[in-house]
Amino acid sequence: MADEIELKLELTGDAAARIEASGLLPGDPRKARQRSIYFDTPDRDLARAGFSLRIRRSGRKRIQTVKASGAGAAGLFVRSEWERPVDDDNPVLDCTTPLATLLGDAVDAVAPAFEVKIDRHEWIVMEGDAVIELVLDRGEVVAGERRSPVCEIELELKSGDPAALFVLARRIDAVAPVRLGVVTKSERGYRLIAAASAMARAERTELDGEMTAALAFRRIVQSCVRQFRLNEALLLTGPNPEALHQARVALRRLRSALSIFRPMIGADGDALGADLRWLASELGDARNLDMLLDRAGHGPLYDRIAAARAVAYERVHDALLSARVRGLMLALAEWAAIANWSGSSGGEADGDQPARGFAVAALDRFRRQVKRKGRDLAHLDDEARHALRKHAKKLRYAAEFFAALFGRKREKRRYKRFVKALEALQDHLGALNDLVTARRILKTLGVADGPDVSALLVEDAKDDLVEAAAEAHEDLVDTRRFW
């Protein structure tokens, strides 16, 4: 068993050709044609447990590989794997890997699930003192009659500093655009055999009580970057309100993580936070117009909003294609992977402290802010309610990030009650914010008055929403903490 550290980059076929022709890569590559069969049970027991099983044929050789998912969910993968030669396309499931024990009686149900066919070009690149294996894969994933193209670069660190992977990635991007890869070939196959999804929700962040605060932060940032990249890929194919919303959720989660961990990271994340705010604003108008369009009846007002929405989505597309966004995702992945927060190298809090203790302090801090900012909520102005809404979001994301650290039965029950009370407050504050945002957007469009506008805004419901928000705030304050 060995650990590998690799950085995955996605690119187009044209970009791959430009990189090969650029002179960036040393000499002629080693070439291979590979066919990999991935196996699982009909119930996808291996995928659900975080394992993949494949037999790869290259020339006359067949190698069976078992991989366990690692913490590096966004770009930088650190995985455990087991390899062995095999005689044919039938997997060997014995005590040399965890799979026989994991599957139990279901081991007999293991069968081919999909294939990956790849033409591979491989170079050894020196980047400073580091030795990096660069692999360019072109091909496709095949599952029955369904196919999905593959074009990606994998940079595997053979020796040296992991930072060299990112230095090389930026040199590649300067020749032709590449994007941080967050999907393995096995995931591509599983996505191909599953029902197509219009968006990617946040995945549970796998934390445990034995890890440090620094490692917890790394896991959280990587999870958020992965969620953004999955939805970004969908948005690049065309307007998609669900993917846009989830992409913005990923950005809010990232920005909240910077706030939550500021006692540990200090000002280290300020520049990245500024870029995240810029990107969120680039996506914001399209999202607001999506929501407004959903409530507008057909007619001249609907047409005006739809036209503005089309322009806003063009702006989203241009932003996502920019070098700034590609660089931001690489910078986030690099920072999460190699930054050091031991002792007080970032802020005043020690990154080596237990994650659970850090989580308790963070949750206490944000709960106090929500409690204080929500006092006399019924008499707050729009700006103050919006500030309270932002604090409530940070508390919500902190609760979700750290949920796995509070896994006792009583803590789980309290978590559900706490999050339910917090969701109610957020819903009412969100509805109030939507009224303010809708009025601002309609004024920008030059349609701030008229019967259609009044029907769309439903401002006569504002007093009821304020009262409901105040009650929800009281309920949240009275709800027992789960930490």
Protein backbone atom coordinates (compact mmCIF):
# COMPACT_ATOMS: atom_id res chain seq x y z
CA MET A 1 0.00 0.00 0.00
CA ALA A 2 1.29 3.49 -0.81
CA ASP A 3 0.09 7.08 -0.69
CA GLU A 4 0.17 9.22 -3.81
CA ILE A 5 -0.09 12.99 -4.05
CA GLU A 6 -1.42 14.28 -7.33
CA LEU A 7 -2.99 17.41 -8.72
CA LYS A 8 -5.68 16.95 -11.36
CA LEU A 9 -6.36 19.51 -14.09
CA GLU A 10 -9.20 19.51 -16.62
CA LEU A 11 -8.80 20.95 -20.11
CA THR A 12 -10.16 20.85 -23.63
CA GLY A 13 -8.69 18.83 -26.46
CA ASP A 14 -7.52 22.02 -28.18
CA ALA A 15 -5.77 23.16 -24.97
CA ALA A 16 -4.05 19.77 -24.71
CA ALA A 17 -2.74 20.07 -28.24
CA ARG A 18 -1.40 23.57 -27.55
CA ILE A 19 0.42 22.39 -24.44
CA GLU A 20 2.03 19.48 -26.27
CA ALA A 21 3.17 21.80 -29.08
CA SER A 22 4.42 24.55 -26.78
CA GLY A 23 7.83 23.17 -25.84
CA LEU A 24 6.91 23.25 -22.16
CA LEU A 25 7.23 19.48 -21.82
CA PRO A 26 10.64 17.79 -22.08
CA GLY A 27 11.23 15.56 -25.08
CA ASP A 28 8.98 12.84 -26.44
CA PRO A 29 6.42 11.30 -24.10
CA ARG A 30 6.07 7.71 -23.16
CA LYS A 31 2.81 6.57 -24.75
CA ALA A 32 0.32 3.91 -23.75
CA ARG A 33 -3.20 2.85 -24.61
CA GLN A 34 -5.19 1.77 -21.58
CA ARG A 35 -8.53 0.09 -21.03
CA SER A 36 -9.83 0.00 -17.48
CA ILE A 37 -12.85 -1.94 -16.26
CA TYR A 38 -14.40 -0.67 -13.04
CA PHE A 39 -16.34 -3.07 -10.85
CA ASP A 40 -19.00 -2.75 -8.19
CA THR A 41 -22.06 -4.52 -6.86
CA PRO A 42 -25.52 -3.76 -8.29
CA ASP A 43 -26.20 -1.71 -5.13
CA ARG A 44 -22.94 0.25 -5.60
CA ASP A 45 -21.60 -0.90 -2.22
CA LEU A 46 -18.00 -0.01 -3.08
CA ALA A 47 -18.80 3.52 -4.22
CA ARG A 48 -20.91 4.20 -1.14
CA ALA A 49 -18.04 3.00 1.08
CA GLY A 50 -15.55 5.28 -0.70
CA PHE A 51 -13.65 2.63 -2.67
CA SER A 52 -13.04 1.97 -6.34
CA LEU A 53 -11.96 -1.31 -7.93
CA ARG A 54 -10.55 -1.54 -11.42
CA ILE A 55 -8.53 -3.80 -13.69
CA ARG A 56 -6.41 -1.83 -16.13
CA ARG A 57 -5.00 -3.42 -19.27
CA SER A 58 -2.01 -1.79 -20.97
CA GLY A 59 -0.39 -3.92 -23.65
CA ARG A 60 -0.30 -7.46 -22.28
CA LYS A 61 -0.24 -6.42 -18.64
CA ARG A 62 -3.27 -6.29 -16.39
CA ILE A 63 -3.08 -4.53 -13.02
CA GLN A 64 -5.85 -4.62 -10.43
CA THR A 65 -6.08 -1.46 -8.31
CA VAL A 66 -8.19 -0.73 -5.25
CA LYS A 67 -8.33 2.93 -4.22
CA ALA A 68 -9.76 4.45 -1.06
CA SER A 69 -11.03 8.01 -1.25
CA GLY A 70 -8.77 10.49 0.52
CA ALA A 71 -9.25 13.89 2.13
CA GLY A 72 -8.16 15.83 -0.95
CA ALA A 73 -11.55 16.31 -2.53
CA ALA A 74 -10.56 19.42 -4.50
CA GLY A 75 -7.68 19.06 -6.88
CA LEU A 76 -5.03 17.65 -4.59
CA PHE A 77 -5.76 13.97 -4.03
CA VAL A 78 -4.09 11.96 -1.28
CA ARG A 79 -5.28 8.37 -1.49
CA SER A 80 -4.44 4.91 -0.29
CA GLU A 81 -4.27 2.20 -2.92
CA TRP A 82 -3.54 -1.50 -3.33
CA GLU A 83 -2.16 -2.89 -6.58
CA ARG A 84 -1.46 -6.37 -7.89
CA PRO A 85 -1.03 -8.05 -11.29
CA VAL A 86 -3.91 -10.29 -12.43
CA ASP A 87 -4.23 -12.83 -15.23
CA ASP A 88 -7.57 -11.75 -16.70
CA ASP A 89 -10.50 -9.35 -16.29
CA ASN A 90 -11.82 -11.07 -13.17
CA PRO A 91 -10.96 -9.22 -9.93
CA VAL A 92 -9.15 -11.01 -7.09
CA LEU A 93 -10.90 -10.16 -3.82
CA ASP A 94 -8.93 -11.69 -0.97
CA CYS A 95 -7.42 -10.60 2.35
CA THR A 96 -4.78 -8.40 0.69
CA THR A 97 -7.31 -5.54 0.39
CA PRO A 98 -10.18 -4.39 2.66
CA LEU A 99 -12.84 -5.24 0.07
CA ALA A 100 -13.60 -8.85 1.02
CA THR A 101 -14.27 -7.86 4.63
CA LEU A 102 -16.18 -4.76 3.56
CA LEU A 103 -18.51 -6.59 1.16
CA GLY A 104 -19.06 -9.82 3.07
CA ASP A 105 -21.53 -12.02 1.22
CA ALA A 106 -21.98 -9.31 -1.44
CA VAL A 107 -18.48 -10.03 -2.74
CA ASP A 108 -19.98 -12.56 -5.16
CA ALA A 109 -22.16 -9.83 -6.69
CA VAL A 110 -19.21 -7.74 -7.89
CA ALA A 111 -19.47 -7.20 -11.67
CA PRO A 112 -18.30 -4.73 -14.36
CA ALA A 113 -19.97 -1.31 -14.01
CA PHE A 114 -18.29 0.80 -16.73
CA GLU A 115 -15.10 1.14 -18.78
CA VAL A 116 -12.54 3.91 -19.25
CA LYS A 117 -10.59 3.95 -22.51
CA ILE A 118 -7.55 6.24 -22.49
CA ASP A 119 -4.64 7.26 -24.71
CA ARG A 120 -1.94 8.29 -22.23
CA HIS A 121 1.13 10.48 -22.79
CA GLU A 122 3.58 10.65 -19.90
CA TRP A 123 6.56 12.88 -19.09
CA ILE A 124 8.91 13.37 -16.12
CA VAL A 125 9.23 17.08 -15.36
CA MET A 126 11.70 18.78 -13.05
CA GLU A 127 10.21 21.76 -11.21
CA GLY A 128 12.93 23.22 -9.04
CA ASP A 129 14.11 20.37 -6.83
CA ALA A 130 10.85 18.46 -7.28
CA VAL A 131 10.33 15.52 -9.62
CA ILE A 132 6.84 15.40 -11.10
CA GLU A 133 5.22 12.84 -13.34
CA LEU A 134 2.94 14.61 -15.82
CA VAL A 135 0.28 12.46 -17.44
CA LEU A 136 -2.01 13.68 -20.20
CA ASP A 137 -5.05 11.45 -20.67
CA ARG A 138 -7.45 11.64 -23.61
CA GLY A 139 -10.31 9.21 -24.05
CA GLU A 140 -13.80 8.39 -22.88
CA VAL A 141 -15.86 6.69 -20.21
CA VAL A 142 -18.31 4.11 -21.53
CA ALA A 143 -21.33 2.67 -19.74
CA GLY A 144 -23.59 0.72 -22.04
CA GLU A 145 -24.71 3.14 -24.76
CA ARG A 146 -23.66 6.24 -22.80
CA ARG A 147 -20.30 7.92 -23.30
CA SER A 148 -18.47 10.85 -21.72
CA PRO A 149 -15.21 12.37 -23.02
CA VAL A 150 -12.10 12.62 -20.82
CA CYS A 151 -9.27 15.13 -21.26
CA GLU A 152 -7.19 15.78 -18.16
CA ILE A 153 -3.69 16.23 -16.82
CA GLU A 154 -2.49 14.56 -13.64
CA LEU A 155 0.60 15.89 -11.90
CA GLU A 156 1.96 13.29 -9.48
CA LEU A 157 4.68 14.30 -7.04
CA LYS A 158 7.48 11.75 -7.08
CA SER A 159 9.76 13.72 -4.74
CA GLY A 160 10.08 17.24 -3.41
CA ASP A 161 7.77 20.00 -2.19
CA PRO A 162 4.02 19.69 -3.05
CA ALA A 163 4.05 23.43 -3.84
CA ALA A 164 5.92 22.53 -7.04
CA LEU A 165 2.72 20.90 -8.35
CA PHE A 166 1.00 24.28 -8.31
CA VAL A 167 3.96 26.11 -9.80
CA LEU A 168 3.87 23.72 -12.74
CA ALA A 169 0.07 23.97 -12.99
CA ARG A 170 0.32 27.74 -13.36
CA ARG A 171 2.99 27.42 -16.02
CA ILE A 172 0.69 25.06 -17.92
CA ASP A 173 -2.26 27.45 -17.55
CA ALA A 174 -0.14 30.27 -19.01
CA VAL A 175 0.14 28.21 -22.22
CA ALA A 176 -3.50 27.05 -22.42
CA PRO A 177 -6.36 27.30 -19.91
CA VAL A 178 -6.73 24.46 -17.40
CA ARG A 179 -9.16 24.09 -14.51
CA LEU A 180 -8.76 22.45 -11.16
CA GLY A 181 -10.02 18.88 -11.43
CA VAL A 182 -12.23 17.51 -8.68
CA VAL A 183 -13.68 14.37 -10.28
CA THR A 184 -11.85 11.05 -10.56
CA LYS A 185 -12.31 8.78 -13.54
CA SER A 186 -14.30 6.39 -11.37
CA GLU A 187 -16.63 9.23 -10.36
CA ARG A 188 -17.11 10.08 -14.02
CA GLY A 189 -18.25 6.52 -14.61
CA TYR A 190 -20.65 6.49 -11.68
CA ARG A 191 -22.10 9.81 -12.82
CA LEU A 192 -22.59 8.34 -16.27
CA ILE A 193 -24.62 5.38 -15.01
CA ALA A 194 -26.70 7.50 -12.61
CA ALA A 195 -29.51 9.91 -13.45
CA ALA A 196 -28.20 13.27 -14.66
CA SER A 197 -28.19 15.97 -11.98
CA ALA A 198 -28.87 19.66 -12.61
CA MET A 199 -26.71 20.77 -9.67
CA ALA A 200 -24.37 19.58 -6.91
CA ARG A 201 -25.30 20.15 -3.28
CA ALA A 202 -22.78 20.46 -0.48
CA GLU A 203 -21.44 17.10 0.63
CA ARG A 204 -21.04 16.18 4.28
CA THR A 205 -17.60 17.21 5.52
CA GLU A 206 -15.94 14.16 7.04
CA LEU A 207 -14.37 15.29 10.31
CA ASP A 208 -13.53 13.31 13.43
CA GLY A 209 -12.66 14.17 17.00
CA GLU A 210 -9.04 13.09 16.60
CA MET A 211 -8.12 15.64 13.95
CA THR A 212 -6.66 19.09 14.47
CA ALA A 213 -8.37 22.38 13.72
CA ALA A 214 -5.97 22.93 10.82
CA LEU A 215 -6.86 19.61 9.20
CA ALA A 216 -10.58 20.30 9.72
CA PHE A 217 -10.17 23.64 7.93
CA ARG A 218 -8.39 21.95 5.03
CA ARG A 219 -11.19 19.41 4.67
CA ILE A 220 -13.83 22.16 4.76
CA VAL A 221 -12.12 24.34 2.15
CA GLN A 222 -11.57 21.36 -0.15
CA SER A 223 -15.22 20.35 0.16
CA CYS A 224 -16.41 23.87 -0.69
CA VAL A 225 -14.08 24.14 -3.69
CA ARG A 226 -15.32 20.79 -4.96
CA GLN A 227 -18.95 21.92 -4.69
CA PHE A 228 -18.19 25.10 -6.61
CA ARG A 229 -16.26 23.34 -9.36
CA LEU A 230 -18.99 20.73 -9.89
CA ASN A 231 -21.59 23.45 -10.35
CA GLU A 232 -19.24 25.64 -12.40
CA ALA A 233 -18.89 22.81 -14.92
CA LEU A 234 -22.68 22.73 -15.29
CA LEU A 235 -22.91 26.50 -15.66
CA LEU A 236 -20.32 26.56 -18.42
CA THR A 237 -22.73 24.52 -20.57
CA GLY A 238 -25.45 27.19 -20.32
CA PRO A 239 -27.84 29.03 -17.94
CA ASN A 240 -28.81 26.81 -15.02
CA PRO A 241 -30.59 28.41 -12.05
CA GLU A 242 -30.09 25.40 -9.76
CA ALA A 243 -26.37 25.11 -10.47
CA LEU A 244 -25.96 28.88 -10.11
CA HIS A 245 -27.62 28.81 -6.70
CA GLN A 246 -25.42 25.95 -5.51
CA ALA A 247 -22.28 27.63 -6.88
CA ARG A 248 -23.15 30.71 -4.82
CA VAL A 249 -23.82 28.50 -1.80
CA ALA A 250 -20.32 27.05 -2.21
CA LEU A 251 -18.84 30.57 -2.30
CA ARG A 252 -20.79 31.59 0.81
CA ARG A 253 -19.61 28.46 2.59
CA LEU A 254 -16.02 29.29 1.66
CA ARG A 255 -16.33 32.86 2.89
CA SER A 256 -17.98 31.66 6.07
CA ALA A 257 -15.13 29.19 6.61
CA LEU A 258 -12.67 32.09 6.43
CA SER A 259 -14.66 33.92 9.12
CA ILE A 260 -15.10 30.85 11.29
CA PHE A 261 -11.39 30.02 11.24
CA ARG A 262 -10.07 33.59 11.35
CA PRO A 263 -8.76 33.13 14.92
CA MET A 264 -6.50 30.43 13.45
CA ILE A 265 -5.64 31.76 9.98
CA GLY A 266 -5.47 35.45 10.87
CA ALA A 267 -5.24 37.68 7.80
CA ASP A 268 -3.83 34.89 5.60
CA GLY A 269 -7.12 34.46 3.77
CA ASP A 270 -7.95 38.14 3.20
CA ALA A 271 -6.79 38.27 -0.43
CA LEU A 272 -8.64 35.06 -1.26
CA GLY A 273 -11.71 36.41 0.54
CA ALA A 274 -11.66 39.51 -1.65
CA ASP A 275 -11.61 37.37 -4.79
CA LEU A 276 -14.45 35.25 -3.44
CA ARG A 277 -16.54 38.39 -2.79
CA TRP A 278 -15.87 39.56 -6.36
CA LEU A 279 -16.91 36.21 -7.81
CA ALA A 280 -20.05 36.07 -5.68
CA SER A 281 -21.03 39.52 -6.95
CA GLU A 282 -20.48 38.42 -10.56
CA LEU A 283 -22.98 35.60 -10.00
CA GLY A 284 -25.36 37.61 -7.83
CA ASP A 285 -27.40 39.52 -10.42
CA ALA A 286 -28.29 36.38 -12.37
CA ARG A 287 -29.40 34.62 -9.20
CA ASN A 288 -31.56 37.57 -8.09
CA LEU A 289 -33.18 37.78 -11.52
CA ASP A 290 -33.82 34.02 -11.49
CA MET A 291 -35.79 34.41 -8.27
CA LEU A 292 -37.66 37.45 -9.54
CA LEU A 293 -38.55 35.74 -12.81
CA ASP A 294 -40.02 32.78 -10.92
CA ARG A 295 -42.57 35.11 -9.31
CA ALA A 296 -43.38 37.26 -12.34
CA GLY A 297 -46.44 36.42 -14.41
CA HIS A 298 -46.18 36.41 -18.19
CA GLY A 299 -46.32 39.85 -19.78
CA PRO A 300 -44.16 42.93 -20.38
CA LEU A 301 -42.63 42.83 -16.89
CA TYR A 302 -41.65 39.17 -17.31
CA ASP A 303 -40.07 39.94 -20.69
CA ARG A 304 -38.06 42.84 -19.22
CA ILE A 305 -36.75 40.65 -16.39
CA ALA A 306 -35.98 37.77 -18.78
CA ALA A 307 -33.94 40.06 -21.05
CA ALA A 308 -31.93 41.35 -18.09
CA ARG A 309 -31.43 37.78 -16.87
CA ALA A 310 -29.99 36.71 -20.25
CA VAL A 311 -27.43 39.53 -20.03
CA ALA A 312 -26.61 38.59 -16.43
CA TYR A 313 -25.94 34.96 -17.43
CA GLU A 314 -23.57 36.17 -20.16
CA ARG A 315 -21.69 38.01 -17.43
CA VAL A 316 -21.59 34.81 -15.35
CA HIS A 317 -20.20 32.85 -18.31
CA ASP A 318 -17.52 35.47 -18.99
CA ALA A 319 -16.46 35.51 -15.34
CA LEU A 320 -16.20 31.72 -15.14
CA LEU A 321 -14.04 31.65 -18.28
CA SER A 322 -11.63 34.21 -16.84
CA ALA A 323 -8.08 33.50 -15.75
CA ARG A 324 -8.97 35.11 -12.43
CA VAL A 325 -11.45 32.36 -11.56
CA ARG A 326 -9.14 29.57 -12.71
CA GLY A 327 -6.34 31.06 -10.64
CA LEU A 328 -8.58 31.50 -7.61
CA MET A 329 -9.52 27.82 -7.54
CA LEU A 330 -5.87 26.77 -7.84
CA ALA A 331 -4.88 29.23 -5.11
CA LEU A 332 -7.55 27.89 -2.76
CA ALA A 333 -6.50 24.30 -3.37
CA GLU A 334 -2.83 25.16 -2.82
CA TRP A 335 -3.50 27.16 0.32
CA ALA A 336 -5.64 24.45 1.86
CA ALA A 337 -3.11 21.76 0.98
CA ILE A 338 0.20 23.26 2.08
CA ALA A 339 -0.35 26.29 4.35
CA ASN A 340 0.88 25.94 7.93
CA TRP A 341 -1.25 27.02 10.89
CA SER A 342 0.71 25.23 13.61
CA GLY A 343 1.19 27.30 16.74
CA SER A 344 0.20 30.88 15.99
CA SER A 345 1.68 31.11 12.49
CA GLY A 346 -1.64 32.42 11.14
CA GLY A 347 -3.71 33.91 13.97
CA GLU A 348 -3.74 33.67 17.74
CA ALA A 349 -5.39 30.23 17.80
CA ASP A 350 -3.22 27.12 17.47
CA GLY A 351 -4.01 25.04 14.41
CA ASP A 352 -2.74 21.97 16.24
CA GLN A 353 -5.49 22.15 18.85
CA PRO A 354 -8.30 19.56 18.68
CA ALA A 355 -10.93 20.42 16.10
CA ARG A 356 -13.79 19.83 18.55
CA GLY A 357 -12.49 22.41 21.02
CA PHE A 358 -12.06 24.94 18.23
CA ALA A 359 -15.59 24.17 16.99
CA VAL A 360 -17.13 24.79 20.41
CA ALA A 361 -15.49 28.22 20.64
CA ALA A 362 -16.53 29.14 17.08
CA LEU A 363 -20.15 28.03 17.53
CA ASP A 364 -20.39 29.94 20.82
CA ARG A 365 -19.01 33.06 19.12
CA PHE A 366 -21.47 33.04 16.22
CA ARG A 367 -24.43 32.15 18.42
CA ARG A 368 -23.68 35.17 20.60
CA GLN A 369 -23.57 37.38 17.52
CA VAL A 370 -26.93 36.12 16.27
CA LYS A 371 -28.46 36.55 19.72
CA ARG A 372 -27.12 40.08 20.12
CA LYS A 373 -27.83 41.29 16.58
CA GLY A 374 -31.39 39.98 16.71
CA ARG A 375 -32.49 41.82 19.84
CA ASP A 376 -35.62 43.90 19.15
CA LEU A 377 -35.69 42.40 15.66
CA ALA A 378 -39.18 43.76 14.95
CA HIS A 379 -37.80 47.30 15.01
CA LEU A 380 -34.60 46.75 13.01
CA ASP A 381 -34.21 48.45 9.64
CA ASP A 382 -33.52 46.56 6.42
CA GLU A 383 -29.74 46.95 6.71
CA ALA A 384 -29.63 45.64 10.28
CA ARG A 385 -31.84 42.67 9.39
CA HIS A 386 -29.52 41.89 6.47
CA ALA A 387 -26.52 41.95 8.84
CA LEU A 388 -28.36 39.55 11.17
CA ARG A 389 -29.08 37.29 8.20
CA LYS A 390 -25.37 37.10 7.36
CA HIS A 391 -24.49 36.18 10.95
CA ALA A 392 -27.22 33.52 10.93
CA LYS A 393 -25.75 32.03 7.73
CA LYS A 394 -22.30 31.82 9.32
CA LEU A 395 -23.78 30.06 12.34
CA ARG A 396 -25.65 27.66 10.04
CA TYR A 397 -22.56 26.82 8.00
CA ALA A 398 -20.47 26.41 11.15
CA ALA A 399 -23.08 23.98 12.50
CA GLU A 400 -23.03 21.99 9.26
CA PHE A 401 -19.24 21.98 8.98
CA PHE A 402 -18.75 20.72 12.53
CA ALA A 403 -21.76 18.38 12.79
CA ALA A 404 -19.62 15.24 12.50
CA LEU A 405 -17.63 16.27 15.59
CA PHE A 406 -20.76 16.01 17.75
CA GLY A 407 -21.92 12.52 17.02
CA ARG A 408 -23.26 11.34 20.38
CA LYS A 409 -26.94 10.42 20.35
CA ARG A 410 -27.98 13.38 22.51
CA GLU A 411 -25.85 15.77 20.46
CA LYS A 412 -27.44 14.55 17.24
CA ARG A 413 -30.95 15.11 18.60
CA ARG A 414 -30.06 18.60 19.76
CA TYR A 415 -28.36 19.32 16.44
CA LYS A 416 -31.55 18.57 14.52
CA ARG A 417 -33.63 20.82 16.77
CA PHE A 418 -31.05 23.61 16.65
CA VAL A 419 -30.70 23.57 12.87
CA LYS A 420 -34.48 23.44 12.43
CA ALA A 421 -34.87 26.57 14.57
CA LEU A 422 -32.01 28.26 12.70
CA GLU A 423 -33.55 27.37 9.32
CA ALA A 424 -36.84 28.97 10.34
CA LEU A 425 -35.08 32.23 11.20
CA GLN A 426 -33.11 32.14 7.96
CA ASP A 427 -36.24 31.52 5.87
CA HIS A 428 -38.03 34.58 7.26
CA LEU A 429 -34.97 36.81 7.03
CA GLY A 430 -34.38 35.56 3.48
CA ALA A 431 -37.92 36.42 2.45
CA LEU A 432 -37.50 39.92 3.87
CA ASN A 433 -34.21 40.34 2.03
CA ASP A 434 -35.84 39.18 -1.20
CA LEU A 435 -38.35 42.04 -0.94
CA VAL A 436 -35.57 44.60 -0.58
CA THR A 437 -33.53 43.06 -3.40
CA ALA A 438 -36.54 42.83 -5.73
CA ARG A 439 -37.38 46.49 -5.21
CA ARG A 440 -33.76 47.49 -5.98
CA ILE A 441 -33.58 45.37 -9.14
CA LEU A 442 -36.91 46.59 -10.50
CA LYS A 443 -35.82 50.18 -9.93
CA THR A 444 -32.64 49.45 -11.89
CA LEU A 445 -34.78 48.07 -14.71
CA GLY A 446 -36.91 51.22 -14.67
CA VAL A 447 -40.10 49.43 -13.57
CA ALA A 448 -40.34 50.35 -9.91
CA ASP A 449 -44.07 51.17 -9.99
CA GLY A 450 -47.30 49.78 -11.37
CA PRO A 451 -49.81 47.02 -10.55
CA ASP A 452 -47.57 44.23 -11.84
CA VAL A 453 -44.75 45.44 -9.60
CA SER A 454 -46.98 45.65 -6.54
CA ALA A 455 -48.24 42.12 -7.12
CA LEU A 456 -44.68 40.87 -7.56
CA LEU A 457 -43.31 42.47 -4.40
CA VAL A 458 -46.22 41.54 -2.08
CA GLU A 459 -45.00 44.21 0.32
CA ASP A 460 -48.18 43.98 2.36
CA ALA A 461 -46.73 40.73 3.74
CA LYS A 462 -43.68 42.50 5.15
CA ASP A 463 -45.14 43.13 8.61
CA ASP A 464 -46.15 39.49 8.95
CA LEU A 465 -42.65 38.38 7.88
CA VAL A 466 -41.01 40.68 10.42
CA GLU A 467 -43.21 39.33 13.19
CA ALA A 468 -42.50 35.73 12.17
CA ALA A 469 -38.75 36.44 12.06
CA ALA A 470 -38.85 37.92 15.55
CA GLU A 471 -40.63 34.83 16.87
CA ALA A 472 -38.16 32.54 15.10
CA HIS A 473 -35.28 34.43 16.69
CA GLU A 474 -36.77 33.95 20.15
CA ASP A 475 -37.24 30.24 19.45
CA LEU A 476 -33.61 29.91 18.35
CA VAL A 477 -32.29 31.66 21.44
CA ASP A 478 -34.37 29.30 23.59
CA THR A 479 -33.15 26.17 21.74
CA ARG A 480 -30.44 24.21 23.54
CA ARG A 481 -27.02 24.14 21.94
CA PHE A 482 -25.84 20.82 20.52
CA TRP A 483 -22.17 21.42 21.29
